[in-house]
Amino acid sequence: MKKWLVVIIVAVIAGFMLMSSYNSLVKAEEEIDSVWANVETQYQHRSDLIPNLVNTVKGQANFEKETLTSVMEARAKATQTKIDPANLTEEQLAQFQQNQNQVGSALSRLLVTVEKYPELKSGEAFMTLQAQLEGMENRINVARNKFNEAAKVYNAKVRTFPTKLAAMIFGFKEKPYFKSVSGAENAPSVNFQ
């Protein structure tokens, strides 16, 4: 009789531990989904600013068509990339990040090219859009950092005992992190010739 009582108590304790672990994984996964939605929202805001920026530049100067076209093509490609955060893989995140980096690169080329047009640079509409774009890039960086923090907490739960047991039983997998662009560790060279 005592033997069965001990077995029942151990089973109940194990069941509560499993349930608690499962619930903490679900909460961590929901946090990742929420933070991912914020990342996508920030990228969407940037994407929404791009047509206004391009139209302002087009209207103010006889601008290089190739630069404007590359910005719009990069934007179109980036907005077509959709990711389900519940099934987020390293490859999907790398593709998403690559597409977003192409947008950032095209915008950088656009802003560098604008330097050739002082009348455009001094225009109030352009200056406002440029400031909004700079702020948006900062907000994107903050959202990406928050995603990485949420992924770190989630991944720690998935990899540590006893939660790891629940993760294995219920199929919770590690989430990838945003990574810096290749070469970002090198400072850009400035040459005033």
N, C-alpha and C. Protein backbone atom coordinates (compact mmCIF):
# COMPACT_ATOMS: atom_id res chain seq x y z
N MET A 1 0.83 -1.19 0.00
CA MET A 1 0.00 0.00 0.00
C MET A 1 0.87 1.25 0.00
N LYS A 2 1.91 1.31 0.86
CA LYS A 2 2.79 2.46 0.92
C LYS A 2 3.55 2.62 -0.40
N LYS A 3 3.90 1.48 -0.99
CA LYS A 3 4.64 1.50 -2.24
C LYS A 3 3.82 2.19 -3.33
N TRP A 4 2.53 1.87 -3.42
CA TRP A 4 1.66 2.48 -4.42
C TRP A 4 1.42 3.95 -4.13
N LEU A 5 1.34 4.30 -2.90
CA LEU A 5 1.15 5.69 -2.51
C LEU A 5 2.36 6.53 -2.94
N VAL A 6 3.55 5.99 -2.74
CA VAL A 6 4.77 6.68 -3.15
C VAL A 6 4.80 6.84 -4.67
N VAL A 7 4.43 5.78 -5.38
CA VAL A 7 4.42 5.82 -6.85
C VAL A 7 3.43 6.89 -7.34
N ILE A 8 2.24 6.93 -6.72
CA ILE A 8 1.22 7.91 -7.11
C ILE A 8 1.71 9.33 -6.83
N ILE A 9 2.32 9.55 -5.67
CA ILE A 9 2.83 10.89 -5.32
C ILE A 9 3.93 11.32 -6.30
N VAL A 10 4.84 10.42 -6.62
CA VAL A 10 5.91 10.73 -7.57
C VAL A 10 5.31 11.04 -8.95
N ALA A 11 4.32 10.28 -9.38
CA ALA A 11 3.68 10.50 -10.68
C ALA A 11 2.98 11.86 -10.71
N VAL A 12 2.30 12.21 -9.63
CA VAL A 12 1.60 13.50 -9.55
C VAL A 12 2.62 14.64 -9.60
N ILE A 13 3.70 14.52 -8.85
CA ILE A 13 4.75 15.56 -8.85
C ILE A 13 5.36 15.69 -10.24
N ALA A 14 5.66 14.56 -10.87
CA ALA A 14 6.22 14.58 -12.22
C ALA A 14 5.24 15.23 -13.21
N GLY A 15 3.95 14.92 -13.06
CA GLY A 15 2.92 15.51 -13.92
C GLY A 15 2.85 17.02 -13.75
N PHE A 16 2.92 17.51 -12.51
CA PHE A 16 2.89 18.95 -12.27
C PHE A 16 4.15 19.62 -12.83
N MET A 17 5.30 18.97 -12.69
CA MET A 17 6.53 19.53 -13.24
C MET A 17 6.46 19.61 -14.76
N LEU A 18 5.92 18.57 -15.40
CA LEU A 18 5.78 18.55 -16.85
C LEU A 18 4.81 19.64 -17.31
N MET A 19 3.70 19.77 -16.60
CA MET A 19 2.71 20.78 -16.93
C MET A 19 3.29 22.19 -16.76
N SER A 20 4.02 22.40 -15.69
CA SER A 20 4.64 23.70 -15.45
C SER A 20 5.67 24.02 -16.53
N SER A 21 6.47 23.03 -16.90
CA SER A 21 7.46 23.23 -17.96
C SER A 21 6.79 23.54 -19.29
N TYR A 22 5.74 22.80 -19.60
CA TYR A 22 5.01 23.04 -20.84
C TYR A 22 4.45 24.46 -20.87
N ASN A 23 3.82 24.87 -19.77
CA ASN A 23 3.24 26.21 -19.71
C ASN A 23 4.29 27.31 -19.86
N SER A 24 5.47 27.11 -19.26
CA SER A 24 6.52 28.13 -19.39
C SER A 24 7.03 28.19 -20.83
N LEU A 25 7.09 27.05 -21.51
CA LEU A 25 7.50 27.05 -22.92
C LEU A 25 6.46 27.75 -23.80
N VAL A 26 5.19 27.52 -23.52
CA VAL A 26 4.13 28.17 -24.29
C VAL A 26 4.20 29.68 -24.09
N LYS A 27 4.40 30.13 -22.86
CA LYS A 27 4.51 31.57 -22.59
C LYS A 27 5.72 32.17 -23.31
N ALA A 28 6.85 31.47 -23.29
CA ALA A 28 8.05 31.96 -23.96
C ALA A 28 7.85 32.01 -25.48
N GLU A 29 7.16 31.01 -26.01
CA GLU A 29 6.89 30.99 -27.45
C GLU A 29 5.93 32.12 -27.84
N GLU A 30 4.95 32.38 -27.01
CA GLU A 30 4.04 33.50 -27.27
C GLU A 30 4.78 34.83 -27.24
N GLU A 31 5.74 34.95 -26.35
CA GLU A 31 6.56 36.17 -26.28
C GLU A 31 7.34 36.34 -27.59
N ILE A 32 7.90 35.26 -28.09
CA ILE A 32 8.64 35.33 -29.36
C ILE A 32 7.69 35.74 -30.49
N ASP A 33 6.51 35.16 -30.53
CA ASP A 33 5.54 35.51 -31.58
C ASP A 33 5.19 36.99 -31.50
N SER A 34 5.01 37.49 -30.30
CA SER A 34 4.67 38.91 -30.11
C SER A 34 5.82 39.81 -30.55
N VAL A 35 7.02 39.47 -30.14
CA VAL A 35 8.18 40.28 -30.50
C VAL A 35 8.43 40.20 -32.00
N TRP A 36 8.23 39.03 -32.60
CA TRP A 36 8.39 38.90 -34.04
C TRP A 36 7.40 39.80 -34.78
N ALA A 37 6.18 39.86 -34.29
CA ALA A 37 5.18 40.75 -34.90
C ALA A 37 5.66 42.20 -34.85
N ASN A 38 6.32 42.58 -33.77
CA ASN A 38 6.86 43.94 -33.67
C ASN A 38 7.98 44.16 -34.68
N VAL A 39 8.82 43.15 -34.89
CA VAL A 39 9.89 43.26 -35.90
C VAL A 39 9.26 43.49 -37.28
N GLU A 40 8.28 42.66 -37.61
CA GLU A 40 7.62 42.81 -38.91
C GLU A 40 6.94 44.17 -39.06
N THR A 41 6.35 44.66 -37.98
CA THR A 41 5.70 45.96 -38.02
C THR A 41 6.71 47.07 -38.32
N GLN A 42 7.88 47.00 -37.70
CA GLN A 42 8.89 48.03 -37.95
C GLN A 42 9.39 47.97 -39.39
N TYR A 43 9.61 46.76 -39.90
CA TYR A 43 10.02 46.63 -41.29
C TYR A 43 8.93 47.13 -42.23
N GLN A 44 7.67 46.89 -41.88
CA GLN A 44 6.55 47.36 -42.71
C GLN A 44 6.49 48.88 -42.70
N HIS A 45 6.73 49.50 -41.56
CA HIS A 45 6.75 50.97 -41.50
C HIS A 45 7.84 51.51 -42.42
N ARG A 46 9.02 50.89 -42.38
CA ARG A 46 10.10 51.33 -43.27
C ARG A 46 9.68 51.16 -44.72
N SER A 47 9.08 50.02 -45.01
CA SER A 47 8.63 49.75 -46.37
C SER A 47 7.59 50.77 -46.82
N ASP A 48 6.74 51.20 -45.92
CA ASP A 48 5.72 52.21 -46.24
C ASP A 48 6.34 53.58 -46.50
N LEU A 49 7.47 53.87 -45.88
CA LEU A 49 8.14 55.16 -46.09
C LEU A 49 8.84 55.25 -47.44
N ILE A 50 9.25 54.11 -47.96
CA ILE A 50 10.07 54.10 -49.17
C ILE A 50 9.38 54.77 -50.36
N PRO A 51 8.12 54.46 -50.69
CA PRO A 51 7.51 55.14 -51.85
C PRO A 51 7.48 56.67 -51.68
N ASN A 52 7.24 57.14 -50.46
CA ASN A 52 7.24 58.59 -50.23
C ASN A 52 8.62 59.18 -50.47
N LEU A 53 9.63 58.49 -49.99
CA LEU A 53 11.01 58.95 -50.19
C LEU A 53 11.36 58.96 -51.67
N VAL A 54 11.04 57.87 -52.37
CA VAL A 54 11.34 57.78 -53.80
C VAL A 54 10.60 58.86 -54.57
N ASN A 55 9.32 59.07 -54.28
CA ASN A 55 8.55 60.09 -54.99
C ASN A 55 9.08 61.49 -54.71
N THR A 56 9.50 61.73 -53.49
CA THR A 56 10.08 63.04 -53.16
C THR A 56 11.36 63.26 -53.95
N VAL A 57 12.20 62.25 -54.00
CA VAL A 57 13.46 62.35 -54.74
C VAL A 57 13.17 62.51 -56.23
N LYS A 58 12.24 61.73 -56.76
CA LYS A 58 11.88 61.80 -58.18
C LYS A 58 11.35 63.19 -58.54
N GLY A 59 10.54 63.75 -57.67
CA GLY A 59 9.94 65.04 -57.94
C GLY A 59 10.91 66.20 -57.81
N GLN A 60 11.97 66.03 -57.07
CA GLN A 60 12.90 67.13 -56.80
C GLN A 60 14.08 67.16 -57.75
N ALA A 61 14.39 66.07 -58.41
CA ALA A 61 15.61 66.05 -59.22
C ALA A 61 15.45 65.10 -60.39
N ASN A 62 16.27 65.33 -61.39
CA ASN A 62 16.34 64.40 -62.50
C ASN A 62 17.27 63.29 -62.01
N PHE A 63 16.70 62.37 -61.27
CA PHE A 63 17.49 61.43 -60.48
C PHE A 63 17.85 60.19 -61.27
N GLU A 64 18.92 59.53 -60.85
CA GLU A 64 19.35 58.29 -61.47
C GLU A 64 18.25 57.24 -61.33
N LYS A 65 17.70 56.83 -62.47
CA LYS A 65 16.60 55.85 -62.46
C LYS A 65 17.03 54.53 -61.86
N GLU A 66 18.26 54.13 -62.13
CA GLU A 66 18.74 52.83 -61.65
C GLU A 66 18.70 52.75 -60.13
N THR A 67 19.07 53.82 -59.46
CA THR A 67 19.06 53.84 -58.00
C THR A 67 17.63 53.73 -57.47
N LEU A 68 16.72 54.50 -58.05
CA LEU A 68 15.32 54.45 -57.62
C LEU A 68 14.71 53.08 -57.88
N THR A 69 15.03 52.51 -59.03
CA THR A 69 14.51 51.18 -59.38
C THR A 69 15.01 50.13 -58.41
N SER A 70 16.30 50.19 -58.05
CA SER A 70 16.84 49.19 -57.13
C SER A 70 16.18 49.28 -55.76
N VAL A 71 15.85 50.49 -55.33
CA VAL A 71 15.17 50.66 -54.04
C VAL A 71 13.78 50.02 -54.09
N MET A 72 13.05 50.30 -55.15
CA MET A 72 11.68 49.77 -55.26
C MET A 72 11.69 48.24 -55.44
N GLU A 73 12.65 47.72 -56.20
CA GLU A 73 12.73 46.27 -56.38
C GLU A 73 13.08 45.56 -55.07
N ALA A 74 14.02 46.14 -54.33
CA ALA A 74 14.40 45.55 -53.04
C ALA A 74 13.21 45.58 -52.08
N ARG A 75 12.47 46.68 -52.09
CA ARG A 75 11.29 46.80 -51.24
C ARG A 75 10.25 45.73 -51.60
N ALA A 76 10.00 45.56 -52.91
CA ALA A 76 9.02 44.57 -53.35
C ALA A 76 9.43 43.16 -52.93
N LYS A 77 10.70 42.84 -53.09
CA LYS A 77 11.19 41.52 -52.72
C LYS A 77 11.07 41.29 -51.21
N ALA A 78 11.41 42.32 -50.43
CA ALA A 78 11.36 42.18 -48.97
C ALA A 78 9.93 42.02 -48.46
N THR A 79 8.98 42.71 -49.08
CA THR A 79 7.60 42.62 -48.60
C THR A 79 6.94 41.30 -48.99
N GLN A 80 7.54 40.57 -49.93
CA GLN A 80 6.98 39.28 -50.32
C GLN A 80 7.41 38.16 -49.37
N THR A 81 8.42 38.39 -48.56
CA THR A 81 8.93 37.36 -47.65
C THR A 81 8.06 37.31 -46.41
N LYS A 82 7.36 36.23 -46.23
CA LYS A 82 6.49 36.04 -45.06
C LYS A 82 7.02 34.87 -44.25
N ILE A 83 7.02 35.05 -42.93
CA ILE A 83 7.53 34.01 -42.04
C ILE A 83 6.52 33.74 -40.94
N ASP A 84 6.30 32.46 -40.68
CA ASP A 84 5.46 32.04 -39.56
C ASP A 84 6.38 31.85 -38.35
N PRO A 85 6.26 32.69 -37.32
CA PRO A 85 7.19 32.58 -36.18
C PRO A 85 7.11 31.25 -35.45
N ALA A 86 6.00 30.54 -35.56
CA ALA A 86 5.88 29.24 -34.90
C ALA A 86 6.79 28.21 -35.55
N ASN A 87 7.07 28.38 -36.84
CA ASN A 87 7.92 27.43 -37.56
C ASN A 87 9.19 28.10 -38.09
N LEU A 88 9.68 29.07 -37.38
CA LEU A 88 10.83 29.85 -37.80
C LEU A 88 12.09 29.00 -37.82
N THR A 89 12.75 28.98 -38.98
CA THR A 89 14.00 28.22 -39.09
C THR A 89 15.15 29.19 -39.36
N GLU A 90 16.34 28.69 -39.17
CA GLU A 90 17.56 29.48 -39.42
C GLU A 90 17.58 29.97 -40.88
N GLU A 91 17.21 29.10 -41.82
CA GLU A 91 17.23 29.45 -43.24
C GLU A 91 16.20 30.52 -43.56
N GLN A 92 14.99 30.39 -43.01
CA GLN A 92 13.96 31.38 -43.26
C GLN A 92 14.37 32.75 -42.73
N LEU A 93 14.91 32.77 -41.52
CA LEU A 93 15.33 34.03 -40.93
C LEU A 93 16.49 34.62 -41.73
N ALA A 94 17.41 33.79 -42.20
CA ALA A 94 18.53 34.29 -43.01
C ALA A 94 18.02 34.90 -44.32
N GLN A 95 17.04 34.26 -44.96
CA GLN A 95 16.47 34.80 -46.20
C GLN A 95 15.74 36.11 -45.94
N PHE A 96 14.96 36.15 -44.87
CA PHE A 96 14.25 37.38 -44.49
C PHE A 96 15.26 38.50 -44.25
N GLN A 97 16.29 38.19 -43.49
CA GLN A 97 17.31 39.17 -43.15
C GLN A 97 18.05 39.64 -44.41
N GLN A 98 18.36 38.71 -45.30
CA GLN A 98 19.05 39.08 -46.54
C GLN A 98 18.18 40.05 -47.36
N ASN A 99 16.90 39.76 -47.48
CA ASN A 99 16.00 40.65 -48.23
C ASN A 99 15.92 42.02 -47.58
N GLN A 100 15.83 42.06 -46.26
CA GLN A 100 15.77 43.36 -45.57
C GLN A 100 17.09 44.11 -45.70
N ASN A 101 18.21 43.38 -45.69
CA ASN A 101 19.51 44.03 -45.85
C ASN A 101 19.65 44.63 -47.24
N GLN A 102 19.06 43.99 -48.24
CA GLN A 102 19.08 44.55 -49.60
C GLN A 102 18.32 45.86 -49.66
N VAL A 103 17.22 45.94 -48.91
CA VAL A 103 16.48 47.20 -48.85
C VAL A 103 17.35 48.27 -48.20
N GLY A 104 17.98 47.93 -47.09
CA GLY A 104 18.84 48.88 -46.40
C GLY A 104 20.00 49.33 -47.28
N SER A 105 20.58 48.41 -48.02
CA SER A 105 21.69 48.74 -48.91
C SER A 105 21.23 49.67 -50.03
N ALA A 106 20.08 49.36 -50.62
CA ALA A 106 19.54 50.22 -51.69
C ALA A 106 19.23 51.61 -51.16
N LEU A 107 18.67 51.68 -49.95
CA LEU A 107 18.39 52.99 -49.36
C LEU A 107 19.68 53.76 -49.09
N SER A 108 20.70 53.07 -48.64
CA SER A 108 21.99 53.72 -48.40
C SER A 108 22.54 54.30 -49.69
N ARG A 109 22.47 53.53 -50.78
CA ARG A 109 22.94 54.03 -52.08
C ARG A 109 22.13 55.25 -52.51
N LEU A 110 20.81 55.20 -52.25
CA LEU A 110 19.96 56.34 -52.58
C LEU A 110 20.39 57.58 -51.81
N LEU A 111 20.63 57.43 -50.52
CA LEU A 111 21.01 58.58 -49.70
C LEU A 111 22.39 59.10 -50.07
N VAL A 112 23.30 58.22 -50.46
CA VAL A 112 24.62 58.67 -50.91
C VAL A 112 24.49 59.42 -52.22
N THR A 113 23.66 58.92 -53.12
CA THR A 113 23.46 59.57 -54.41
C THR A 113 22.84 60.95 -54.24
N VAL A 114 22.01 61.11 -53.24
CA VAL A 114 21.34 62.38 -52.97
C VAL A 114 22.37 63.49 -52.69
N GLU A 115 23.54 63.10 -52.21
CA GLU A 115 24.58 64.09 -51.91
C GLU A 115 24.93 64.93 -53.13
N LYS A 116 24.71 64.41 -54.33
CA LYS A 116 25.01 65.14 -55.57
C LYS A 116 23.99 66.24 -55.86
N TYR A 117 22.90 66.25 -55.10
CA TYR A 117 21.81 67.19 -55.37
C TYR A 117 21.55 68.08 -54.16
N PRO A 118 22.30 69.18 -54.03
CA PRO A 118 22.14 70.05 -52.85
C PRO A 118 20.73 70.61 -52.69
N GLU A 119 20.05 70.91 -53.83
CA GLU A 119 18.69 71.46 -53.72
C GLU A 119 17.72 70.43 -53.14
N LEU A 120 17.98 69.16 -53.41
CA LEU A 120 17.15 68.10 -52.85
C LEU A 120 17.43 67.92 -51.37
N LYS A 121 18.72 67.90 -51.04
CA LYS A 121 19.12 67.72 -49.64
C LYS A 121 18.54 68.81 -48.74
N SER A 122 18.39 70.00 -49.28
CA SER A 122 17.90 71.10 -48.45
C SER A 122 16.37 71.18 -48.43
N GLY A 123 15.70 70.36 -49.24
CA GLY A 123 14.24 70.37 -49.27
C GLY A 123 13.65 69.83 -47.97
N GLU A 124 12.64 70.52 -47.47
CA GLU A 124 12.03 70.15 -46.19
C GLU A 124 11.40 68.75 -46.23
N ALA A 125 10.71 68.43 -47.34
CA ALA A 125 10.05 67.12 -47.43
C ALA A 125 11.09 66.00 -47.38
N PHE A 126 12.20 66.17 -48.11
CA PHE A 126 13.24 65.15 -48.10
C PHE A 126 13.88 65.03 -46.73
N MET A 127 14.17 66.14 -46.11
CA MET A 127 14.82 66.13 -44.79
C MET A 127 13.92 65.42 -43.77
N THR A 128 12.62 65.68 -43.84
CA THR A 128 11.68 65.03 -42.93
C THR A 128 11.65 63.52 -43.16
N LEU A 129 11.58 63.11 -44.42
CA LEU A 129 11.57 61.68 -44.73
C LEU A 129 12.89 61.02 -44.34
N GLN A 130 13.99 61.71 -44.55
CA GLN A 130 15.29 61.14 -44.17
C GLN A 130 15.35 60.94 -42.65
N ALA A 131 14.86 61.91 -41.90
CA ALA A 131 14.84 61.79 -40.44
C ALA A 131 13.93 60.63 -40.01
N GLN A 132 12.79 60.50 -40.66
CA GLN A 132 11.88 59.40 -40.34
C GLN A 132 12.53 58.06 -40.65
N LEU A 133 13.24 57.99 -41.75
CA LEU A 133 13.90 56.75 -42.14
C LEU A 133 15.00 56.40 -41.15
N GLU A 134 15.77 57.38 -40.72
CA GLU A 134 16.82 57.12 -39.72
C GLU A 134 16.21 56.63 -38.42
N GLY A 135 15.12 57.26 -37.98
CA GLY A 135 14.43 56.81 -36.77
C GLY A 135 13.89 55.40 -36.94
N MET A 136 13.39 55.10 -38.13
CA MET A 136 12.85 53.77 -38.40
C MET A 136 13.94 52.71 -38.32
N GLU A 137 15.11 53.02 -38.85
CA GLU A 137 16.23 52.07 -38.78
C GLU A 137 16.60 51.80 -37.31
N ASN A 138 16.55 52.82 -36.49
CA ASN A 138 16.83 52.63 -35.06
C ASN A 138 15.76 51.76 -34.41
N ARG A 139 14.49 51.99 -34.75
CA ARG A 139 13.41 51.18 -34.18
C ARG A 139 13.50 49.73 -34.66
N ILE A 140 13.92 49.53 -35.90
CA ILE A 140 14.11 48.16 -36.41
C ILE A 140 15.20 47.47 -35.60
N ASN A 141 16.28 48.17 -35.35
CA ASN A 141 17.38 47.59 -34.57
C ASN A 141 16.92 47.22 -33.16
N VAL A 142 16.14 48.09 -32.54
CA VAL A 142 15.62 47.80 -31.19
C VAL A 142 14.70 46.58 -31.24
N ALA A 143 13.82 46.50 -32.23
CA ALA A 143 12.90 45.36 -32.35
C ALA A 143 13.68 44.06 -32.58
N ARG A 144 14.72 44.13 -33.40
CA ARG A 144 15.54 42.93 -33.63
C ARG A 144 16.24 42.50 -32.36
N ASN A 145 16.75 43.46 -31.60
CA ASN A 145 17.41 43.13 -30.32
C ASN A 145 16.43 42.50 -29.35
N LYS A 146 15.21 43.02 -29.29
CA LYS A 146 14.20 42.44 -28.41
C LYS A 146 13.84 41.02 -28.85
N PHE A 147 13.79 40.80 -30.17
CA PHE A 147 13.54 39.44 -30.66
C PHE A 147 14.65 38.51 -30.20
N ASN A 148 15.89 38.94 -30.35
CA ASN A 148 17.02 38.10 -29.94
C ASN A 148 16.98 37.82 -28.44
N GLU A 149 16.57 38.81 -27.64
CA GLU A 149 16.45 38.60 -26.19
C GLU A 149 15.36 37.56 -25.89
N ALA A 150 14.22 37.67 -26.57
CA ALA A 150 13.13 36.71 -26.36
C ALA A 150 13.55 35.32 -26.83
N ALA A 151 14.27 35.25 -27.95
CA ALA A 151 14.76 33.95 -28.44
C ALA A 151 15.77 33.35 -27.46
N LYS A 152 16.57 34.20 -26.84
CA LYS A 152 17.56 33.71 -25.86
C LYS A 152 16.85 33.08 -24.66
N VAL A 153 15.83 33.75 -24.14
CA VAL A 153 15.07 33.22 -23.00
C VAL A 153 14.39 31.91 -23.39
N TYR A 154 13.75 31.91 -24.54
CA TYR A 154 13.06 30.70 -25.02
C TYR A 154 14.04 29.56 -25.21
N ASN A 155 15.15 29.82 -25.91
CA ASN A 155 16.14 28.78 -26.18
C ASN A 155 16.75 28.24 -24.89
N ALA A 156 16.94 29.10 -23.91
CA ALA A 156 17.46 28.62 -22.62
C ALA A 156 16.47 27.65 -21.98
N LYS A 157 15.19 27.94 -22.08
CA LYS A 157 14.17 27.04 -21.53
C LYS A 157 14.18 25.70 -22.29
N VAL A 158 14.29 25.78 -23.61
CA VAL A 158 14.27 24.56 -24.43
C VAL A 158 15.48 23.68 -24.13
N ARG A 159 16.59 24.29 -23.74
CA ARG A 159 17.83 23.54 -23.57
C ARG A 159 18.15 23.14 -22.14
N THR A 160 17.42 23.66 -21.15
CA THR A 160 17.76 23.35 -19.75
C THR A 160 16.78 22.34 -19.15
N PHE A 161 17.31 21.58 -18.23
CA PHE A 161 16.53 20.56 -17.53
C PHE A 161 15.76 21.25 -16.40
N PRO A 162 14.55 20.90 -16.13
CA PRO A 162 13.72 19.82 -16.64
C PRO A 162 12.84 20.24 -17.81
N THR A 163 12.88 21.52 -18.16
CA THR A 163 12.03 22.00 -19.25
C THR A 163 12.38 21.33 -20.57
N LYS A 164 13.63 20.93 -20.73
CA LYS A 164 14.05 20.26 -21.95
C LYS A 164 13.22 18.99 -22.20
N LEU A 165 12.86 18.30 -21.13
CA LEU A 165 12.03 17.09 -21.29
C LEU A 165 10.68 17.44 -21.91
N ALA A 166 10.07 18.49 -21.40
CA ALA A 166 8.78 18.91 -21.96
C ALA A 166 8.95 19.38 -23.40
N ALA A 167 10.05 20.07 -23.68
CA ALA A 167 10.31 20.54 -25.04
C ALA A 167 10.44 19.36 -26.00
N MET A 168 11.13 18.33 -25.58
CA MET A 168 11.30 17.15 -26.43
C MET A 168 9.97 16.43 -26.62
N ILE A 169 9.20 16.28 -25.55
CA ILE A 169 7.92 15.56 -25.62
C ILE A 169 6.93 16.30 -26.52
N PHE A 170 6.86 17.63 -26.38
CA PHE A 170 5.84 18.42 -27.10
C PHE A 170 6.37 19.08 -28.37
N GLY A 171 7.62 18.84 -28.74
CA GLY A 171 8.13 19.30 -30.03
C GLY A 171 8.55 20.76 -30.09
N PHE A 172 8.92 21.35 -28.98
CA PHE A 172 9.41 22.73 -29.00
C PHE A 172 10.85 22.73 -29.50
N LYS A 173 11.15 23.55 -30.50
CA LYS A 173 12.49 23.62 -31.09
C LYS A 173 13.11 25.00 -30.82
N GLU A 174 14.43 25.03 -30.84
CA GLU A 174 15.14 26.30 -30.66
C GLU A 174 14.78 27.27 -31.78
N LYS A 175 14.82 28.56 -31.47
CA LYS A 175 14.54 29.62 -32.44
C LYS A 175 15.87 30.27 -32.85
N PRO A 176 15.98 30.66 -34.12
CA PRO A 176 17.22 31.31 -34.56
C PRO A 176 17.28 32.77 -34.10
N TYR A 177 18.46 33.34 -34.19
CA TYR A 177 18.69 34.74 -33.83
C TYR A 177 18.94 35.56 -35.10
N PHE A 178 18.64 36.86 -35.00
CA PHE A 178 19.11 37.77 -36.04
C PHE A 178 20.61 37.87 -35.89
N LYS A 179 21.31 37.90 -36.99
CA LYS A 179 22.77 38.02 -36.97
C LYS A 179 23.17 39.26 -37.75
N SER A 180 24.33 39.78 -37.43
CA SER A 180 24.80 40.95 -38.16
C SER A 180 25.20 40.54 -39.58
N VAL A 181 25.20 41.52 -40.44
CA VAL A 181 25.57 41.31 -41.83
C VAL A 181 27.05 40.95 -41.90
N SER A 182 27.38 40.06 -42.80
CA SER A 182 28.78 39.68 -42.99
C SER A 182 29.60 40.93 -43.31
N GLY A 183 30.68 41.12 -42.56
CA GLY A 183 31.54 42.28 -42.75
C GLY A 183 31.18 43.45 -41.85
N ALA A 184 30.10 43.32 -41.08
CA ALA A 184 29.67 44.42 -40.22
C ALA A 184 30.65 44.68 -39.08
N GLU A 185 31.50 43.69 -38.80
CA GLU A 185 32.46 43.86 -37.71
C GLU A 185 33.60 44.81 -38.11
N ASN A 186 33.75 45.08 -39.41
CA ASN A 186 34.79 45.98 -39.90
C ASN A 186 34.25 47.40 -40.01
N ALA A 187 35.00 48.35 -39.49
CA ALA A 187 34.59 49.76 -39.58
C ALA A 187 34.71 50.21 -41.03
N PRO A 188 33.74 51.02 -41.50
CA PRO A 188 33.85 51.52 -42.88
C PRO A 188 35.02 52.48 -42.99
N SER A 189 35.66 52.47 -44.16
CA SER A 189 36.79 53.39 -44.35
C SER A 189 36.26 54.69 -44.94
N VAL A 190 36.79 55.79 -44.45
CA VAL A 190 36.41 57.11 -44.91
C VAL A 190 37.63 57.71 -45.59
N ASN A 191 37.44 58.19 -46.82
CA ASN A 191 38.55 58.72 -47.57
C ASN A 191 38.16 60.08 -48.14
N PHE A 192 38.76 61.16 -47.64
CA PHE A 192 38.49 62.51 -48.11
C PHE A 192 39.59 62.92 -49.07
N GLN A 193 39.41 62.65 -50.34
CA GLN A 193 40.44 63.02 -51.31
C GLN A 193 40.07 64.23 -52.07
